[in-house]
Amino acid sequence: MKETHLIPAGTVLTSKGDGPVVTLTAPGKVFLLTLDITRIVEQEALDVSVIGSVDGTTWEPKPLAVFPQKFYAGQHPLLLDLSQRVDLKALRAHWEVNRWGRGSETPMFEVSLQLREVPPDVLKETMAEAGARR
């Protein structure tokens, strides 16, 4: 798996939900998650997490990755290290939305969540650079 979407580009979120099931073709790898919020209204919050499954139907209760709560548009990267979880066969995104204040009570976010495998050589080089800075 080189690149796929846990939330397809242009998806509009207005209520709590889950993304499509994505089968891992390369279990036990390190991935870069990129949450891209392209449209948002004021006075609302978005919580996004990634959950895993060993069989694609039963989902673990504890998320594998959780983005900090988001209030603004932008791109938000997060590493997902599954090197110790070679048993996982599938992933999916889960989100919760909240709106407060005046105006419409329905939240509205336009988002995507991309999953991209980090090649081992890039990961090794990045870790070496990070260690050299300490």
N, C-alpha and C. Protein backbone atom coordinates (compact mmCIF):
# COMPACT_ATOMS: atom_id res chain seq x y z
N MET A 1 0.85 -1.18 0.00
CA MET A 1 0.00 0.00 0.00
C MET A 1 0.89 1.23 0.00
N LYS A 2 0.78 2.03 -1.01
CA LYS A 2 1.58 3.24 -1.07
C LYS A 2 0.78 4.43 -0.56
N GLU A 3 -0.46 4.58 -1.00
CA GLU A 3 -1.27 5.73 -0.60
C GLU A 3 -2.74 5.41 -0.79
N THR A 4 -3.55 5.76 0.20
CA THR A 4 -4.99 5.57 0.11
C THR A 4 -5.67 6.58 1.02
N HIS A 5 -6.98 6.58 1.03
CA HIS A 5 -7.73 7.52 1.87
C HIS A 5 -8.61 6.77 2.87
N LEU A 6 -8.47 7.13 4.14
CA LEU A 6 -9.37 6.61 5.17
C LEU A 6 -10.66 7.44 5.18
N ILE A 7 -10.56 8.69 4.75
CA ILE A 7 -11.72 9.54 4.48
C ILE A 7 -11.47 10.13 3.10
N PRO A 8 -12.30 9.80 2.11
CA PRO A 8 -12.06 10.29 0.75
C PRO A 8 -12.08 11.82 0.67
N ALA A 9 -11.30 12.37 -0.25
CA ALA A 9 -11.23 13.82 -0.46
C ALA A 9 -12.62 14.39 -0.74
N GLY A 10 -12.90 15.55 -0.16
CA GLY A 10 -14.17 16.22 -0.38
C GLY A 10 -15.32 15.71 0.45
N THR A 11 -15.06 14.81 1.40
CA THR A 11 -16.13 14.29 2.25
C THR A 11 -16.63 15.38 3.18
N VAL A 12 -17.94 15.55 3.27
CA VAL A 12 -18.55 16.53 4.17
C VAL A 12 -19.08 15.78 5.39
N LEU A 13 -18.60 16.16 6.56
CA LEU A 13 -19.02 15.55 7.81
C LEU A 13 -19.99 16.47 8.52
N THR A 14 -21.16 15.94 8.90
CA THR A 14 -22.14 16.73 9.65
C THR A 14 -22.59 16.02 10.92
N SER A 15 -22.15 14.78 11.08
CA SER A 15 -22.50 14.01 12.28
C SER A 15 -21.42 12.95 12.52
N LYS A 16 -21.50 12.32 13.68
CA LYS A 16 -20.58 11.25 14.07
C LYS A 16 -20.60 10.15 13.01
N GLY A 17 -19.43 9.53 12.76
CA GLY A 17 -19.43 8.46 11.78
C GLY A 17 -18.11 7.75 11.64
N ASP A 18 -18.08 6.81 10.69
CA ASP A 18 -16.91 6.00 10.40
C ASP A 18 -16.64 6.02 8.91
N GLY A 19 -15.36 5.95 8.55
CA GLY A 19 -14.97 5.89 7.16
C GLY A 19 -15.04 4.47 6.64
N PRO A 20 -14.72 4.30 5.37
CA PRO A 20 -14.72 2.97 4.77
C PRO A 20 -13.59 2.11 5.35
N VAL A 21 -13.77 0.81 5.27
CA VAL A 21 -12.74 -0.13 5.71
C VAL A 21 -11.63 -0.15 4.67
N VAL A 22 -10.39 0.00 5.14
CA VAL A 22 -9.23 -0.04 4.26
C VAL A 22 -8.38 -1.25 4.65
N THR A 23 -8.22 -2.17 3.71
CA THR A 23 -7.43 -3.37 3.96
C THR A 23 -5.95 -3.03 3.83
N LEU A 24 -5.17 -3.46 4.82
CA LEU A 24 -3.73 -3.24 4.80
C LEU A 24 -3.07 -4.29 3.93
N THR A 25 -2.42 -3.87 2.87
CA THR A 25 -1.70 -4.81 2.02
C THR A 25 -0.27 -4.98 2.52
N ALA A 26 0.16 -4.07 3.41
CA ALA A 26 1.51 -4.13 3.97
C ALA A 26 1.42 -3.97 5.49
N PRO A 27 0.98 -5.03 6.21
CA PRO A 27 0.87 -4.90 7.67
C PRO A 27 2.24 -4.73 8.32
N GLY A 28 2.24 -4.13 9.51
CA GLY A 28 3.47 -3.97 10.26
C GLY A 28 4.38 -2.85 9.78
N LYS A 29 3.82 -1.89 9.09
CA LYS A 29 4.61 -0.76 8.54
C LYS A 29 4.35 0.51 9.34
N VAL A 30 5.07 1.56 8.99
CA VAL A 30 4.85 2.89 9.56
C VAL A 30 4.17 3.73 8.48
N PHE A 31 3.13 4.45 8.88
CA PHE A 31 2.35 5.24 7.94
C PHE A 31 2.30 6.70 8.38
N LEU A 32 2.14 7.57 7.39
CA LEU A 32 1.89 8.97 7.65
C LEU A 32 0.42 9.23 7.38
N LEU A 33 -0.28 9.69 8.41
CA LEU A 33 -1.67 10.10 8.27
C LEU A 33 -1.67 11.61 8.04
N THR A 34 -2.45 12.07 7.07
CA THR A 34 -2.58 13.51 6.84
C THR A 34 -4.06 13.86 6.82
N LEU A 35 -4.50 14.56 7.87
CA LEU A 35 -5.87 15.05 7.96
C LEU A 35 -5.89 16.42 7.29
N ASP A 36 -6.70 16.56 6.26
CA ASP A 36 -6.80 17.82 5.53
C ASP A 36 -8.22 18.36 5.71
N ILE A 37 -8.34 19.48 6.44
CA ILE A 37 -9.63 20.14 6.64
C ILE A 37 -9.67 21.31 5.67
N THR A 38 -10.55 21.23 4.67
CA THR A 38 -10.58 22.25 3.64
C THR A 38 -11.71 23.27 3.84
N ARG A 39 -12.75 22.90 4.57
CA ARG A 39 -13.84 23.83 4.85
C ARG A 39 -14.37 23.57 6.24
N ILE A 40 -14.71 24.67 6.92
CA ILE A 40 -15.18 24.57 8.29
C ILE A 40 -15.96 25.85 8.59
N VAL A 41 -16.91 25.77 9.51
CA VAL A 41 -17.59 26.98 9.99
C VAL A 41 -17.11 27.25 11.40
N GLU A 42 -17.34 28.47 11.89
CA GLU A 42 -16.84 28.81 13.22
C GLU A 42 -17.66 28.12 14.31
N GLN A 43 -17.09 28.05 15.47
CA GLN A 43 -17.69 27.48 16.67
C GLN A 43 -18.08 26.01 16.50
N GLU A 44 -17.10 25.23 16.07
CA GLU A 44 -17.30 23.78 15.98
C GLU A 44 -15.97 23.08 16.17
N ALA A 45 -16.04 21.80 16.52
CA ALA A 45 -14.83 21.02 16.78
C ALA A 45 -14.95 19.65 16.11
N LEU A 46 -13.79 19.12 15.72
CA LEU A 46 -13.71 17.82 15.05
C LEU A 46 -12.71 16.95 15.79
N ASP A 47 -13.12 15.72 16.10
CA ASP A 47 -12.23 14.72 16.70
C ASP A 47 -12.14 13.55 15.72
N VAL A 48 -10.91 13.20 15.34
CA VAL A 48 -10.68 12.11 14.38
C VAL A 48 -9.71 11.11 14.99
N SER A 49 -10.05 9.83 14.86
CA SER A 49 -9.17 8.76 15.32
C SER A 49 -9.14 7.66 14.27
N VAL A 50 -8.16 6.77 14.40
CA VAL A 50 -8.02 5.62 13.49
C VAL A 50 -8.07 4.37 14.34
N ILE A 51 -8.94 3.44 13.94
CA ILE A 51 -9.08 2.18 14.68
C ILE A 51 -8.69 1.01 13.77
N GLY A 52 -8.33 -0.10 14.40
CA GLY A 52 -7.84 -1.25 13.64
C GLY A 52 -8.65 -2.50 13.90
N SER A 53 -8.46 -3.47 13.02
CA SER A 53 -9.15 -4.75 13.11
C SER A 53 -8.24 -5.86 12.60
N VAL A 54 -8.30 -7.01 13.26
CA VAL A 54 -7.51 -8.16 12.80
C VAL A 54 -8.24 -8.97 11.74
N ASP A 55 -9.57 -8.76 11.62
CA ASP A 55 -10.35 -9.52 10.65
C ASP A 55 -11.20 -8.66 9.72
N GLY A 56 -11.21 -7.34 9.91
CA GLY A 56 -11.98 -6.44 9.05
C GLY A 56 -13.43 -6.28 9.45
N THR A 57 -13.86 -6.98 10.52
CA THR A 57 -15.25 -6.84 10.97
C THR A 57 -15.36 -6.48 12.45
N THR A 58 -14.47 -6.99 13.27
CA THR A 58 -14.46 -6.67 14.70
C THR A 58 -13.40 -5.62 14.94
N TRP A 59 -13.81 -4.47 15.50
CA TRP A 59 -12.92 -3.33 15.66
C TRP A 59 -12.46 -3.18 17.09
N GLU A 60 -11.18 -2.89 17.25
CA GLU A 60 -10.61 -2.71 18.59
C GLU A 60 -11.23 -1.48 19.25
N PRO A 61 -11.49 -1.55 20.56
CA PRO A 61 -12.12 -0.42 21.25
C PRO A 61 -11.18 0.77 21.42
N LYS A 62 -9.88 0.52 21.53
CA LYS A 62 -8.91 1.59 21.73
C LYS A 62 -8.34 2.03 20.38
N PRO A 63 -8.38 3.34 20.08
CA PRO A 63 -7.83 3.82 18.80
C PRO A 63 -6.32 3.61 18.71
N LEU A 64 -5.86 3.42 17.49
CA LEU A 64 -4.43 3.29 17.21
C LEU A 64 -3.76 4.66 17.13
N ALA A 65 -4.53 5.65 16.71
CA ALA A 65 -4.03 7.03 16.58
C ALA A 65 -5.18 7.98 16.82
N VAL A 66 -4.88 9.10 17.47
CA VAL A 66 -5.89 10.12 17.75
C VAL A 66 -5.30 11.49 17.41
N PHE A 67 -5.96 12.21 16.54
CA PHE A 67 -5.55 13.58 16.25
C PHE A 67 -6.02 14.48 17.39
N PRO A 68 -5.22 15.49 17.74
CA PRO A 68 -5.73 16.48 18.69
C PRO A 68 -6.99 17.14 18.12
N GLN A 69 -7.90 17.55 18.98
CA GLN A 69 -9.15 18.17 18.53
C GLN A 69 -8.86 19.36 17.61
N LYS A 70 -9.62 19.45 16.52
CA LYS A 70 -9.39 20.48 15.51
C LYS A 70 -10.56 21.46 15.45
N PHE A 71 -10.20 22.75 15.28
CA PHE A 71 -11.18 23.83 15.20
C PHE A 71 -11.03 24.65 13.92
N TYR A 72 -9.92 24.44 13.17
CA TYR A 72 -9.60 25.29 12.02
C TYR A 72 -9.21 24.45 10.81
N ALA A 73 -9.31 25.07 9.64
CA ALA A 73 -8.87 24.42 8.40
C ALA A 73 -7.34 24.29 8.40
N GLY A 74 -6.85 23.32 7.65
CA GLY A 74 -5.41 23.13 7.53
C GLY A 74 -5.06 21.66 7.34
N GLN A 75 -3.77 21.39 7.15
CA GLN A 75 -3.28 20.03 7.04
C GLN A 75 -2.60 19.65 8.34
N HIS A 76 -2.90 18.45 8.81
CA HIS A 76 -2.42 18.00 10.11
C HIS A 76 -1.83 16.60 9.97
N PRO A 77 -0.49 16.45 10.02
CA PRO A 77 0.15 15.14 9.89
C PRO A 77 0.27 14.41 11.23
N LEU A 78 0.31 13.09 11.17
CA LEU A 78 0.47 12.26 12.37
C LEU A 78 1.05 10.92 11.92
N LEU A 79 2.11 10.45 12.61
CA LEU A 79 2.68 9.13 12.29
C LEU A 79 1.89 8.03 12.97
N LEU A 80 1.70 6.94 12.26
CA LEU A 80 1.03 5.76 12.78
C LEU A 80 2.00 4.59 12.63
N ASP A 81 2.59 4.16 13.74
CA ASP A 81 3.59 3.09 13.72
C ASP A 81 2.90 1.76 14.04
N LEU A 82 2.77 0.93 13.03
CA LEU A 82 2.16 -0.39 13.20
C LEU A 82 3.20 -1.50 13.15
N SER A 83 4.47 -1.15 13.37
CA SER A 83 5.54 -2.15 13.28
C SER A 83 5.38 -3.27 14.30
N GLN A 84 4.72 -3.00 15.42
CA GLN A 84 4.50 -4.03 16.44
C GLN A 84 3.11 -4.66 16.32
N ARG A 85 2.36 -4.28 15.29
CA ARG A 85 0.99 -4.78 15.12
C ARG A 85 0.82 -5.46 13.76
N VAL A 86 1.62 -6.48 13.50
CA VAL A 86 1.55 -7.19 12.23
C VAL A 86 0.25 -7.99 12.09
N ASP A 87 -0.50 -8.13 13.19
CA ASP A 87 -1.76 -8.86 13.17
C ASP A 87 -2.90 -8.06 12.56
N LEU A 88 -2.75 -6.75 12.48
CA LEU A 88 -3.83 -5.91 11.96
C LEU A 88 -3.99 -6.10 10.45
N LYS A 89 -5.23 -6.26 10.03
CA LYS A 89 -5.52 -6.47 8.61
C LYS A 89 -6.27 -5.30 7.99
N ALA A 90 -6.90 -4.45 8.84
CA ALA A 90 -7.72 -3.36 8.29
C ALA A 90 -7.72 -2.16 9.23
N LEU A 91 -7.96 -0.99 8.63
CA LEU A 91 -8.07 0.27 9.37
C LEU A 91 -9.33 0.99 8.92
N ARG A 92 -9.81 1.89 9.77
CA ARG A 92 -10.86 2.81 9.36
C ARG A 92 -10.80 4.03 10.26
N ALA A 93 -11.29 5.14 9.74
CA ALA A 93 -11.34 6.38 10.51
C ALA A 93 -12.66 6.45 11.27
N HIS A 94 -12.62 7.11 12.41
CA HIS A 94 -13.82 7.41 13.19
C HIS A 94 -13.78 8.89 13.52
N TRP A 95 -14.93 9.56 13.46
CA TRP A 95 -14.95 10.98 13.78
C TRP A 95 -16.18 11.34 14.61
N GLU A 96 -15.99 12.40 15.37
CA GLU A 96 -17.06 13.00 16.17
C GLU A 96 -17.03 14.49 15.88
N VAL A 97 -18.20 15.09 15.77
CA VAL A 97 -18.28 16.52 15.49
C VAL A 97 -19.14 17.20 16.57
N ASN A 98 -18.84 18.47 16.80
CA ASN A 98 -19.56 19.22 17.82
C ASN A 98 -19.70 20.66 17.36
N ARG A 99 -20.85 21.27 17.61
CA ARG A 99 -21.09 22.66 17.23
C ARG A 99 -21.77 23.36 18.39
N TRP A 100 -21.43 24.62 18.61
CA TRP A 100 -22.03 25.41 19.68
C TRP A 100 -22.21 26.84 19.19
N GLY A 101 -22.84 27.66 19.99
CA GLY A 101 -22.98 29.08 19.65
C GLY A 101 -24.24 29.35 18.85
N ARG A 102 -24.23 30.48 18.16
CA ARG A 102 -25.39 30.92 17.39
C ARG A 102 -25.38 30.33 15.99
N GLY A 103 -26.51 30.43 15.32
CA GLY A 103 -26.62 29.92 13.95
C GLY A 103 -27.07 28.48 13.93
N SER A 104 -26.82 27.83 12.81
CA SER A 104 -27.21 26.43 12.63
C SER A 104 -26.54 25.55 13.69
N GLU A 105 -27.28 24.59 14.18
CA GLU A 105 -26.73 23.66 15.18
C GLU A 105 -26.01 22.48 14.53
N THR A 106 -26.11 22.37 13.21
CA THR A 106 -25.48 21.25 12.50
C THR A 106 -24.04 21.60 12.15
N PRO A 107 -23.07 20.79 12.63
CA PRO A 107 -21.67 21.03 12.27
C PRO A 107 -21.44 20.72 10.79
N MET A 108 -20.39 21.29 10.21
CA MET A 108 -20.05 21.04 8.82
C MET A 108 -18.54 21.16 8.65
N PHE A 109 -17.93 20.04 8.26
CA PHE A 109 -16.50 19.99 7.95
C PHE A 109 -16.34 19.33 6.59
N GLU A 110 -15.48 19.86 5.76
CA GLU A 110 -15.09 19.17 4.53
C GLU A 110 -13.66 18.71 4.75
N VAL A 111 -13.45 17.39 4.70
CA VAL A 111 -12.16 16.83 5.09
C VAL A 111 -11.73 15.68 4.18
N SER A 112 -10.49 15.29 4.34
CA SER A 112 -9.98 14.02 3.82
C SER A 112 -8.93 13.52 4.81
N LEU A 113 -8.71 12.22 4.82
CA LEU A 113 -7.67 11.63 5.65
C LEU A 113 -6.90 10.65 4.80
N GLN A 114 -5.66 11.01 4.50
CA GLN A 114 -4.81 10.21 3.64
C GLN A 114 -3.89 9.33 4.48
N LEU A 115 -3.68 8.12 4.00
CA LEU A 115 -2.78 7.15 4.63
C LEU A 115 -1.69 6.83 3.61
N ARG A 116 -0.44 7.11 3.99
CA ARG A 116 0.68 6.89 3.08
C ARG A 116 1.77 6.12 3.82
N GLU A 117 2.23 5.03 3.22
CA GLU A 117 3.31 4.25 3.82
C GLU A 117 4.61 5.05 3.79
N VAL A 118 5.34 5.04 4.90
CA VAL A 118 6.64 5.70 4.97
C VAL A 118 7.69 4.65 4.63
N PRO A 119 8.44 4.84 3.55
CA PRO A 119 9.45 3.85 3.18
C PRO A 119 10.49 3.69 4.29
N PRO A 120 10.96 2.47 4.55
CA PRO A 120 11.92 2.23 5.63
C PRO A 120 13.18 3.09 5.55
N ASP A 121 13.70 3.34 4.34
CA ASP A 121 14.92 4.15 4.22
C ASP A 121 14.67 5.60 4.62
N VAL A 122 13.49 6.14 4.28
CA VAL A 122 13.14 7.50 4.67
C VAL A 122 12.96 7.58 6.19
N LEU A 123 12.33 6.58 6.76
CA LEU A 123 12.11 6.54 8.20
C LEU A 123 13.45 6.47 8.94
N LYS A 124 14.35 5.61 8.46
CA LYS A 124 15.66 5.47 9.09
C LYS A 124 16.45 6.77 9.03
N GLU A 125 16.43 7.42 7.88
CA GLU A 125 17.15 8.69 7.70
C GLU A 125 16.57 9.78 8.61
N THR A 126 15.25 9.84 8.70
CA THR A 126 14.59 10.84 9.53
C THR A 126 14.89 10.62 11.01
N MET A 127 14.87 9.37 11.44
CA MET A 127 15.18 9.05 12.83
C MET A 127 16.63 9.39 13.15
N ALA A 128 17.54 9.15 12.22
CA ALA A 128 18.95 9.48 12.44
C ALA A 128 19.14 11.00 12.57
N GLU A 129 18.44 11.76 11.73
CA GLU A 129 18.51 13.22 11.81
C GLU A 129 17.93 13.73 13.13
N ALA A 130 16.83 13.14 13.56
CA ALA A 130 16.19 13.56 14.81
C ALA A 130 17.12 13.26 16.00
N GLY A 131 17.80 12.11 15.95
CA GLY A 131 18.72 11.75 17.02
C GLY A 131 19.94 12.66 17.07
N ALA A 132 20.38 13.12 15.91
CA ALA A 132 21.55 13.99 15.83
C ALA A 132 21.24 15.37 16.40
N ARG A 133 19.99 15.77 16.39
CA ARG A 133 19.60 17.10 16.89
C ARG A 133 19.53 17.15 18.41
N ARG A 134 19.48 16.01 19.05
CA ARG A 134 19.32 15.99 20.51
C ARG A 134 20.59 16.27 21.22
